[in-house]
Amino acid sequence: MTFTRTTLIDASPSGDSVKQAVLDLDADLTGAFAGLNQLLASLGGKISQGDYNQPQGVPRLDASAKIPAGLLPSLLAEGPVGMIAAFGVQTLPSGSNWLECNGAELALAEYPALYAAIGTSFGFASDPAKFRLPDLRGTFLRGWDHNAHVDPDAASRTRGDTVGSSQADCMQKHCHPAGWERGEVGGGLERGLDPGTRTAGVGWTHDFDQAQITTAELQAGNIWGGFAPTGLETRPKNTAVMFCIKWR
């Protein structure tokens, strides 16, 4: 299909302003139709009544002037191969274009596009015919430093300053001025900042609130360190998601 048009203009009388206006409009229409045909060519000629509601054609709008949901592209199909995204589910749907970032080893022959995208960035597989997915379970993601010098330990990452490298947990070097506290005969407390000269009492770090020390802790003996909530790691508030990688 090609957009065509026909315009007949009487050449007389000369100098007619109406005729000139029609000629100007004709020139504009010529350009418009040329543009329509270029657009048609870029779409592969798929603008026709028969192409409506076809996967390769133009969908017909429903009664509310919207594209029917069944003809919209799947969100799971969007994004380039190798893209990593967070999912709020615990199980991916069957046939998904995404894989959980769980460190699994995949056959190169079965996932050639993904291997071409990430290669061995996330480590080598035990079998040379396979490659390894990133294992992001229980970890935070950090932007690649890429010579920005924001990550002071970038050079010591597992694979250097590269995408796919990782770091162990760490706490920045710091210090707390230490103090001591002990009861006096007849009541009252004796406090100071030189615990090395004292042989009894309760130790505390000077920048923490001693009011958080409980009676049981006072009776137990020396206390060193902070009194903030403690656990097995240092972490910000967080919410668990499943990180997945696009494989096709």
C-alpha atoms as a PDB file:
ATOM      1  CA  MET A   1       0.000   0.000   0.000  1.00  0.00           C
ATOM      2  CA  THR A   2       1.197   3.504  -0.875  1.00  0.00           C
ATOM      3  CA  PHE A   3      -0.423   6.831  -0.040  1.00  0.00           C
ATOM      4  CA  THR A   4      -1.294   8.703  -3.269  1.00  0.00           C
ATOM      5  CA  ARG A   5      -3.112  11.883  -4.121  1.00  0.00           C
ATOM      6  CA  THR A   6      -4.321  13.797  -7.167  1.00  0.00           C
ATOM      7  CA  THR A   7      -4.814  17.563  -7.474  1.00  0.00           C
ATOM      8  CA  LEU A   8      -6.169  19.340 -10.571  1.00  0.00           C
ATOM      9  CA  ILE A   9      -5.582  23.119 -10.704  1.00  0.00           C
ATOM     10  CA  ASP A  10      -6.765  25.470 -13.451  1.00  0.00           C
ATOM     11  CA  ALA A  11      -3.720  27.434 -14.602  1.00  0.00           C
ATOM     12  CA  SER A  12      -5.755  30.578 -15.314  1.00  0.00           C
ATOM     13  CA  PRO A  13      -6.213  33.338 -14.530  1.00  0.00           C
ATOM     14  CA  SER A  14      -2.637  34.180 -13.672  1.00  0.00           C
ATOM     15  CA  GLY A  15      -2.009  36.089 -10.439  1.00  0.00           C
ATOM     16  CA  ASP A  16      -5.149  34.690  -8.810  1.00  0.00           C
ATOM     17  CA  SER A  17      -4.580  34.730  -5.021  1.00  0.00           C
ATOM     18  CA  VAL A  18      -6.922  31.769  -4.453  1.00  0.00           C
ATOM     19  CA  LYS A  19      -5.064  29.713  -7.074  1.00  0.00           C
ATOM     20  CA  GLN A  20      -1.749  30.600  -5.419  1.00  0.00           C
ATOM     21  CA  ALA A  21      -3.070  29.505  -2.033  1.00  0.00           C
ATOM     22  CA  VAL A  22      -4.136  26.168  -3.517  1.00  0.00           C
ATOM     23  CA  LEU A  23      -0.685  25.739  -5.111  1.00  0.00           C
ATOM     24  CA  ASP A  24       0.970  26.399  -1.733  1.00  0.00           C
ATOM     25  CA  LEU A  25      -1.330  23.857  -0.071  1.00  0.00           C
ATOM     26  CA  ASP A  26      -0.538  21.367  -2.827  1.00  0.00           C
ATOM     27  CA  ALA A  27       3.172  21.723  -2.128  1.00  0.00           C
ATOM     28  CA  ASP A  28       2.568  21.118   1.571  1.00  0.00           C
ATOM     29  CA  LEU A  29       0.487  18.019   0.833  1.00  0.00           C
ATOM     30  CA  THR A  30       3.206  16.664  -1.413  1.00  0.00           C
ATOM     31  CA  GLY A  31       5.658  16.817   1.471  1.00  0.00           C
ATOM     32  CA  ALA A  32       3.124  15.341   3.878  1.00  0.00           C
ATOM     33  CA  PHE A  33       2.427  12.347   1.652  1.00  0.00           C
ATOM     34  CA  ALA A  34       6.145  11.798   1.155  1.00  0.00           C
ATOM     35  CA  GLY A  35       6.536  11.681   4.931  1.00  0.00           C
ATOM     36  CA  LEU A  36       3.642   9.249   5.283  1.00  0.00           C
ATOM     37  CA  ASN A  37       5.200   6.919   2.739  1.00  0.00           C
ATOM     38  CA  GLN A  38       8.558   7.029   4.536  1.00  0.00           C
ATOM     39  CA  LEU A  39       6.801   6.123   7.785  1.00  0.00           C
ATOM     40  CA  LEU A  40       4.933   3.343   6.024  1.00  0.00           C
ATOM     41  CA  ALA A  41       8.185   1.940   4.649  1.00  0.00           C
ATOM     42  CA  SER A  42       9.804   1.945   8.079  1.00  0.00           C
ATOM     43  CA  LEU A  43       6.847  -0.005   9.471  1.00  0.00           C
ATOM     44  CA  GLY A  44       7.154  -2.615   6.760  1.00  0.00           C
ATOM     45  CA  GLY A  45       3.814  -1.753   5.180  1.00  0.00           C
ATOM     46  CA  LYS A  46       1.864  -3.096   8.149  1.00  0.00           C
ATOM     47  CA  ILE A  47      -0.861  -0.494   8.277  1.00  0.00           C
ATOM     48  CA  SER A  48      -3.951  -2.133   6.885  1.00  0.00           C
ATOM     49  CA  GLN A  49      -7.285  -3.393   8.124  1.00  0.00           C
ATOM     50  CA  GLY A  50      -6.089  -6.986   7.864  1.00  0.00           C
ATOM     51  CA  ASP A  51      -3.128  -6.335  10.136  1.00  0.00           C
ATOM     52  CA  TYR A  52      -5.200  -5.156  13.072  1.00  0.00           C
ATOM     53  CA  ASN A  53      -4.916  -7.315  16.211  1.00  0.00           C
ATOM     54  CA  GLN A  54      -2.001  -9.226  14.718  1.00  0.00           C
ATOM     55  CA  PRO A  55       1.299  -9.582  16.619  1.00  0.00           C
ATOM     56  CA  GLN A  56       3.185  -7.894  13.787  1.00  0.00           C
ATOM     57  CA  GLY A  57       0.562  -5.256  13.067  1.00  0.00           C
ATOM     58  CA  VAL A  58      -1.281  -2.407  14.763  1.00  0.00           C
ATOM     59  CA  PRO A  59      -3.674  -3.363  17.595  1.00  0.00           C
ATOM     60  CA  ARG A  60      -7.243  -2.090  17.499  1.00  0.00           C
ATOM     61  CA  LEU A  61      -8.197   0.011  20.526  1.00  0.00           C
ATOM     62  CA  ASP A  62     -10.919  -1.270  22.837  1.00  0.00           C
ATOM     63  CA  ALA A  63     -14.101   0.583  23.786  1.00  0.00           C
ATOM     64  CA  SER A  64     -12.195   2.744  26.272  1.00  0.00           C
ATOM     65  CA  ALA A  65      -9.636   3.770  23.606  1.00  0.00           C
ATOM     66  CA  LYS A  66      -6.906   1.606  25.177  1.00  0.00           C
ATOM     67  CA  ILE A  67      -4.763  -1.147  23.706  1.00  0.00           C
ATOM     68  CA  PRO A  68      -6.151  -4.497  24.938  1.00  0.00           C
ATOM     69  CA  ALA A  69      -4.041  -5.954  27.740  1.00  0.00           C
ATOM     70  CA  GLY A  70      -3.489  -9.165  25.804  1.00  0.00           C
ATOM     71  CA  LEU A  71      -1.749  -7.247  23.010  1.00  0.00           C
ATOM     72  CA  LEU A  72       0.612  -5.307  25.266  1.00  0.00           C
ATOM     73  CA  PRO A  73       4.219  -6.547  25.362  1.00  0.00           C
ATOM     74  CA  SER A  74       5.094  -8.546  28.455  1.00  0.00           C
ATOM     75  CA  LEU A  75       7.120  -6.638  31.034  1.00  0.00           C
ATOM     76  CA  LEU A  76       9.200  -9.784  31.499  1.00  0.00           C
ATOM     77  CA  ALA A  77      10.348  -9.443  27.910  1.00  0.00           C
ATOM     78  CA  GLU A  78      11.680  -5.917  28.359  1.00  0.00           C
ATOM     79  CA  GLY A  79      15.286  -4.952  29.031  1.00  0.00           C
ATOM     80  CA  PRO A  80      18.604  -6.097  27.540  1.00  0.00           C
ATOM     81  CA  VAL A  81      20.143  -9.490  28.214  1.00  0.00           C
ATOM     82  CA  GLY A  82      22.365  -9.275  31.307  1.00  0.00           C
ATOM     83  CA  MET A  83      20.181  -6.657  33.023  1.00  0.00           C
ATOM     84  CA  ILE A  84      19.802  -7.208  36.793  1.00  0.00           C
ATOM     85  CA  ALA A  85      16.552  -6.214  38.501  1.00  0.00           C
ATOM     86  CA  ALA A  86      14.868  -6.645  41.875  1.00  0.00           C
ATOM     87  CA  PHE A  87      11.707  -8.766  42.032  1.00  0.00           C
ATOM     88  CA  GLY A  88       9.110  -8.741  44.801  1.00  0.00           C
ATOM     89  CA  VAL A  89       8.317 -12.441  44.407  1.00  0.00           C
ATOM     90  CA  GLN A  90       9.861 -15.614  45.773  1.00  0.00           C
ATOM     91  CA  THR A  91       9.222 -17.751  42.686  1.00  0.00           C
ATOM     92  CA  LEU A  92       9.594 -16.661  39.059  1.00  0.00           C
ATOM     93  CA  PRO A  93       6.729 -17.616  36.714  1.00  0.00           C
ATOM     94  CA  SER A  94       7.222 -20.565  34.393  1.00  0.00           C
ATOM     95  CA  GLY A  95       8.823 -19.566  31.090  1.00  0.00           C
ATOM     96  CA  SER A  96      10.235 -16.342  32.524  1.00  0.00           C
ATOM     97  CA  ASN A  97      13.023 -14.524  30.700  1.00  0.00           C
ATOM     98  CA  TRP A  98      14.735 -13.986  34.053  1.00  0.00           C
ATOM     99  CA  LEU A  99      16.859 -16.180  36.319  1.00  0.00           C
ATOM    100  CA  GLU A 100      17.518 -15.763  40.024  1.00  0.00           C
ATOM    101  CA  CYS A 101      21.010 -14.467  40.781  1.00  0.00           C
ATOM    102  CA  ASN A 102      21.931 -17.474  42.902  1.00  0.00           C
ATOM    103  CA  GLY A 103      25.399 -18.340  41.593  1.00  0.00           C
ATOM    104  CA  ALA A 104      24.181 -21.298  39.535  1.00  0.00           C
ATOM    105  CA  GLU A 105      26.394 -22.721  36.777  1.00  0.00           C
ATOM    106  CA  LEU A 106      24.747 -22.732  33.333  1.00  0.00           C
ATOM    107  CA  ALA A 107      25.731 -24.428  30.097  1.00  0.00           C
ATOM    108  CA  LEU A 108      27.190 -22.021  27.529  1.00  0.00           C
ATOM    109  CA  ALA A 109      25.329 -23.844  24.748  1.00  0.00           C
ATOM    110  CA  GLU A 110      21.946 -23.290  26.416  1.00  0.00           C
ATOM    111  CA  TYR A 111      22.425 -19.608  27.342  1.00  0.00           C
ATOM    112  CA  PRO A 112      24.695 -18.170  24.629  1.00  0.00           C
ATOM    113  CA  ALA A 113      23.213 -14.652  24.721  1.00  0.00           C
ATOM    114  CA  LEU A 114      23.644 -14.333  28.489  1.00  0.00           C
ATOM    115  CA  TYR A 115      27.185 -15.696  28.338  1.00  0.00           C
ATOM    116  CA  ALA A 116      28.007 -13.194  25.584  1.00  0.00           C
ATOM    117  CA  ALA A 117      26.734 -10.418  27.841  1.00  0.00           C
ATOM    118  CA  ILE A 118      28.383 -11.283  31.188  1.00  0.00           C
ATOM    119  CA  GLY A 119      31.074 -13.844  30.348  1.00  0.00           C
ATOM    120  CA  THR A 120      33.020 -14.772  33.484  1.00  0.00           C
ATOM    121  CA  SER A 121      32.479 -11.431  35.231  1.00  0.00           C
ATOM    122  CA  PHE A 122      30.959 -13.190  38.223  1.00  0.00           C
ATOM    123  CA  GLY A 123      33.485 -15.978  38.555  1.00  0.00           C
ATOM    124  CA  PHE A 124      34.501 -19.155  36.766  1.00  0.00           C
ATOM    125  CA  ALA A 125      32.390 -22.308  36.730  1.00  0.00           C
ATOM    126  CA  SER A 126      33.826 -25.675  37.754  1.00  0.00           C
ATOM    127  CA  ASP A 127      33.077 -26.982  34.244  1.00  0.00           C
ATOM    128  CA  PRO A 128      34.687 -25.153  31.271  1.00  0.00           C
ATOM    129  CA  ALA A 129      31.503 -25.766  29.280  1.00  0.00           C
ATOM    130  CA  LYS A 130      29.565 -23.667  31.800  1.00  0.00           C
ATOM    131  CA  PHE A 131      29.587 -20.151  33.229  1.00  0.00           C
ATOM    132  CA  ARG A 132      28.472 -18.752  36.555  1.00  0.00           C
ATOM    133  CA  LEU A 133      25.526 -16.516  37.381  1.00  0.00           C
ATOM    134  CA  PRO A 134      26.062 -13.713  39.902  1.00  0.00           C
ATOM    135  CA  ASP A 135      25.224 -14.782  43.443  1.00  0.00           C
ATOM    136  CA  LEU A 136      23.443 -11.804  45.001  1.00  0.00           C
ATOM    137  CA  ARG A 137      21.618 -13.667  47.759  1.00  0.00           C
ATOM    138  CA  GLY A 138      21.817 -11.732  51.015  1.00  0.00           C
ATOM    139  CA  THR A 139      24.026  -8.998  49.561  1.00  0.00           C
ATOM    140  CA  PHE A 140      23.702  -5.307  48.725  1.00  0.00           C
ATOM    141  CA  LEU A 141      24.555  -3.981  45.266  1.00  0.00           C
ATOM    142  CA  ARG A 142      27.141  -1.241  44.831  1.00  0.00           C
ATOM    143  CA  GLY A 143      27.829   0.851  41.760  1.00  0.00           C
ATOM    144  CA  TRP A 144      31.070   0.026  39.970  1.00  0.00           C
ATOM    145  CA  ASP A 145      33.627   2.615  41.106  1.00  0.00           C
ATOM    146  CA  HIS A 146      35.018   2.926  37.554  1.00  0.00           C
ATOM    147  CA  ASN A 147      37.939   5.129  38.664  1.00  0.00           C
ATOM    148  CA  ALA A 148      35.662   7.590  40.470  1.00  0.00           C
ATOM    149  CA  HIS A 149      37.655   6.964  43.680  1.00  0.00           C
ATOM    150  CA  VAL A 150      34.494   6.830  45.774  1.00  0.00           C
ATOM    151  CA  ASP A 151      35.283   3.264  46.847  1.00  0.00           C
ATOM    152  CA  PRO A 152      38.662   3.580  48.623  1.00  0.00           C
ATOM    153  CA  ASP A 153      39.129  -0.208  48.594  1.00  0.00           C
ATOM    154  CA  ALA A 154      38.212  -0.741  44.939  1.00  0.00           C
ATOM    155  CA  ALA A 155      41.631  -2.154  44.067  1.00  0.00           C
ATOM    156  CA  SER A 156      41.319  -4.857  46.734  1.00  0.00           C
ATOM    157  CA  ARG A 157      37.994  -6.217  45.490  1.00  0.00           C
ATOM    158  CA  THR A 158      37.928  -9.879  44.458  1.00  0.00           C
ATOM    159  CA  ARG A 159      38.428  -9.049  40.789  1.00  0.00           C
ATOM    160  CA  GLY A 160      39.705  -5.500  41.108  1.00  0.00           C
ATOM    161  CA  ASP A 161      37.757  -2.444  39.995  1.00  0.00           C
ATOM    162  CA  THR A 162      35.446  -4.339  37.627  1.00  0.00           C
ATOM    163  CA  VAL A 163      31.769  -5.192  37.293  1.00  0.00           C
ATOM    164  CA  GLY A 164      31.120  -8.493  39.072  1.00  0.00           C
ATOM    165  CA  SER A 165      33.791  -8.023  41.755  1.00  0.00           C
ATOM    166  CA  SER A 166      32.828  -8.213  45.412  1.00  0.00           C
ATOM    167  CA  GLN A 167      33.988  -7.139  48.875  1.00  0.00           C
ATOM    168  CA  ALA A 168      33.697  -8.687  52.308  1.00  0.00           C
ATOM    169  CA  ASP A 169      31.966  -6.748  55.057  1.00  0.00           C
ATOM    170  CA  CYS A 170      34.081  -4.156  56.827  1.00  0.00           C
ATOM    171  CA  MET A 171      33.922  -1.310  59.342  1.00  0.00           C
ATOM    172  CA  GLN A 172      35.900   1.872  58.811  1.00  0.00           C
ATOM    173  CA  LYS A 173      38.748   2.467  61.261  1.00  0.00           C
ATOM    174  CA  HIS A 174      37.693   4.694  64.140  1.00  0.00           C
ATOM    175  CA  CYS A 175      38.308   5.192  67.842  1.00  0.00           C
ATOM    176  CA  HIS A 176      36.424   5.971  71.057  1.00  0.00           C
ATOM    177  CA  PRO A 177      37.973   7.795  74.034  1.00  0.00           C
ATOM    178  CA  ALA A 178      37.670   5.359  76.946  1.00  0.00           C
ATOM    179  CA  GLY A 179      36.676   6.216  80.502  1.00  0.00           C
ATOM    180  CA  TRP A 180      36.065   4.519  83.825  1.00  0.00           C
ATOM    181  CA  GLU A 181      33.406   4.656  86.479  1.00  0.00           C
ATOM    182  CA  ARG A 182      33.364   3.152  89.967  1.00  0.00           C
ATOM    183  CA  GLY A 183      31.437   3.567  93.183  1.00  0.00           C
ATOM    184  CA  GLU A 184      32.843   5.515  96.106  1.00  0.00           C
ATOM    185  CA  VAL A 185      32.614   4.556  99.737  1.00  0.00           C
ATOM    186  CA  GLY A 186      29.591   6.330 101.194  1.00  0.00           C
ATOM    187  CA  GLY A 187      27.912   6.676  97.808  1.00  0.00           C
ATOM    188  CA  GLY A 188      28.501   8.706  94.683  1.00  0.00           C
ATOM    189  CA  LEU A 189      30.503   7.918  91.562  1.00  0.00           C
ATOM    190  CA  GLU A 190      34.086   8.629  90.617  1.00  0.00           C
ATOM    191  CA  ARG A 191      34.678   9.193  86.892  1.00  0.00           C
ATOM    192  CA  GLY A 192      37.681   9.891  84.726  1.00  0.00           C
ATOM    193  CA  LEU A 193      39.308   9.368  81.331  1.00  0.00           C
ATOM    194  CA  ASP A 194      42.327   7.340  82.349  1.00  0.00           C
ATOM    195  CA  PRO A 195      41.244   3.720  82.908  1.00  0.00           C
ATOM    196  CA  GLY A 196      44.878   2.617  82.912  1.00  0.00           C
ATOM    197  CA  THR A 197      45.365   3.972  86.435  1.00  0.00           C
ATOM    198  CA  ARG A 198      42.323   2.220  87.885  1.00  0.00           C
ATOM    199  CA  THR A 199      42.005  -1.395  88.927  1.00  0.00           C
ATOM    200  CA  ALA A 200      38.275  -1.634  89.580  1.00  0.00           C
ATOM    201  CA  GLY A 201      35.011  -0.236  88.325  1.00  0.00           C
ATOM    202  CA  VAL A 202      33.088  -0.184  85.071  1.00  0.00           C
ATOM    203  CA  GLY A 203      34.673   0.805  81.759  1.00  0.00           C
ATOM    204  CA  TRP A 204      32.793   2.760  79.140  1.00  0.00           C
ATOM    205  CA  THR A 205      33.514   4.590  75.893  1.00  0.00           C
ATOM    206  CA  HIS A 206      33.267   8.306  76.404  1.00  0.00           C
ATOM    207  CA  ASP A 207      30.997   9.025  73.413  1.00  0.00           C
ATOM    208  CA  PHE A 208      28.188   6.690  74.534  1.00  0.00           C
ATOM    209  CA  ASP A 209      25.506   7.431  77.104  1.00  0.00           C
ATOM    210  CA  GLN A 210      26.269   5.694  80.391  1.00  0.00           C
ATOM    211  CA  ALA A 211      22.579   5.856  81.260  1.00  0.00           C
ATOM    212  CA  GLN A 212      22.135   2.848  78.972  1.00  0.00           C
ATOM    213  CA  ILE A 213      24.233   0.692  81.330  1.00  0.00           C
ATOM    214  CA  THR A 214      21.911  -1.576  83.322  1.00  0.00           C
ATOM    215  CA  THR A 215      22.326  -2.523  86.968  1.00  0.00           C
ATOM    216  CA  ALA A 216      23.173  -6.097  85.946  1.00  0.00           C
ATOM    217  CA  GLU A 217      25.906  -4.837  83.655  1.00  0.00           C
ATOM    218  CA  LEU A 218      27.325  -2.681  86.432  1.00  0.00           C
ATOM    219  CA  GLN A 219      27.459  -5.683  88.731  1.00  0.00           C
ATOM    220  CA  ALA A 220      29.025  -7.903  86.038  1.00  0.00           C
ATOM    221  CA  GLY A 221      32.248  -5.894  85.842  1.00  0.00           C
ATOM    222  CA  ASN A 222      34.010  -3.960  83.112  1.00  0.00           C
ATOM    223  CA  ILE A 223      32.026  -2.931  80.029  1.00  0.00           C
ATOM    224  CA  TRP A 224      33.879  -1.784  76.937  1.00  0.00           C
ATOM    225  CA  GLY A 225      32.383  -0.754  73.631  1.00  0.00           C
ATOM    226  CA  GLY A 226      29.095   0.773  72.575  1.00  0.00           C
ATOM    227  CA  PHE A 227      25.603   0.231  73.846  1.00  0.00           C
ATOM    228  CA  ALA A 228      23.721   0.589  70.551  1.00  0.00           C
ATOM    229  CA  PRO A 229      21.763  -2.420  69.203  1.00  0.00           C
ATOM    230  CA  THR A 230      24.268  -5.105  68.282  1.00  0.00           C
ATOM    231  CA  GLY A 231      24.201  -8.154  66.017  1.00  0.00           C
ATOM    232  CA  LEU A 232      26.362 -10.263  63.758  1.00  0.00           C
ATOM    233  CA  GLU A 233      26.904  -7.543  61.121  1.00  0.00           C
ATOM    234  CA  THR A 234      26.845  -3.797  60.478  1.00  0.00           C
ATOM    235  CA  ARG A 235      23.971  -2.887  58.145  1.00  0.00           C
ATOM    236  CA  PRO A 236      21.418  -0.193  57.235  1.00  0.00           C
ATOM    237  CA  LYS A 237      17.678  -0.763  57.432  1.00  0.00           C
ATOM    238  CA  ASN A 238      16.765  -2.995  54.516  1.00  0.00           C
ATOM    239  CA  THR A 239      14.049  -5.036  52.810  1.00  0.00           C
ATOM    240  CA  ALA A 240      14.639  -8.382  51.133  1.00  0.00           C
ATOM    241  CA  VAL A 241      13.955  -8.815  47.403  1.00  0.00           C
ATOM    242  CA  MET A 242      15.036 -11.382  44.836  1.00  0.00           C
ATOM    243  CA  PHE A 243      17.670 -10.149  42.379  1.00  0.00           C
ATOM    244  CA  CYS A 244      17.280 -11.660  38.920  1.00  0.00           C
ATOM    245  CA  ILE A 245      19.179 -11.423  35.638  1.00  0.00           C
ATOM    246  CA  LYS A 246      17.670 -11.214  32.127  1.00  0.00           C
ATOM    247  CA  TRP A 247      18.822 -14.180  30.059  1.00  0.00           C
ATOM    248  CA  ARG A 248      16.889 -13.787  26.774  1.00  0.00           C
END
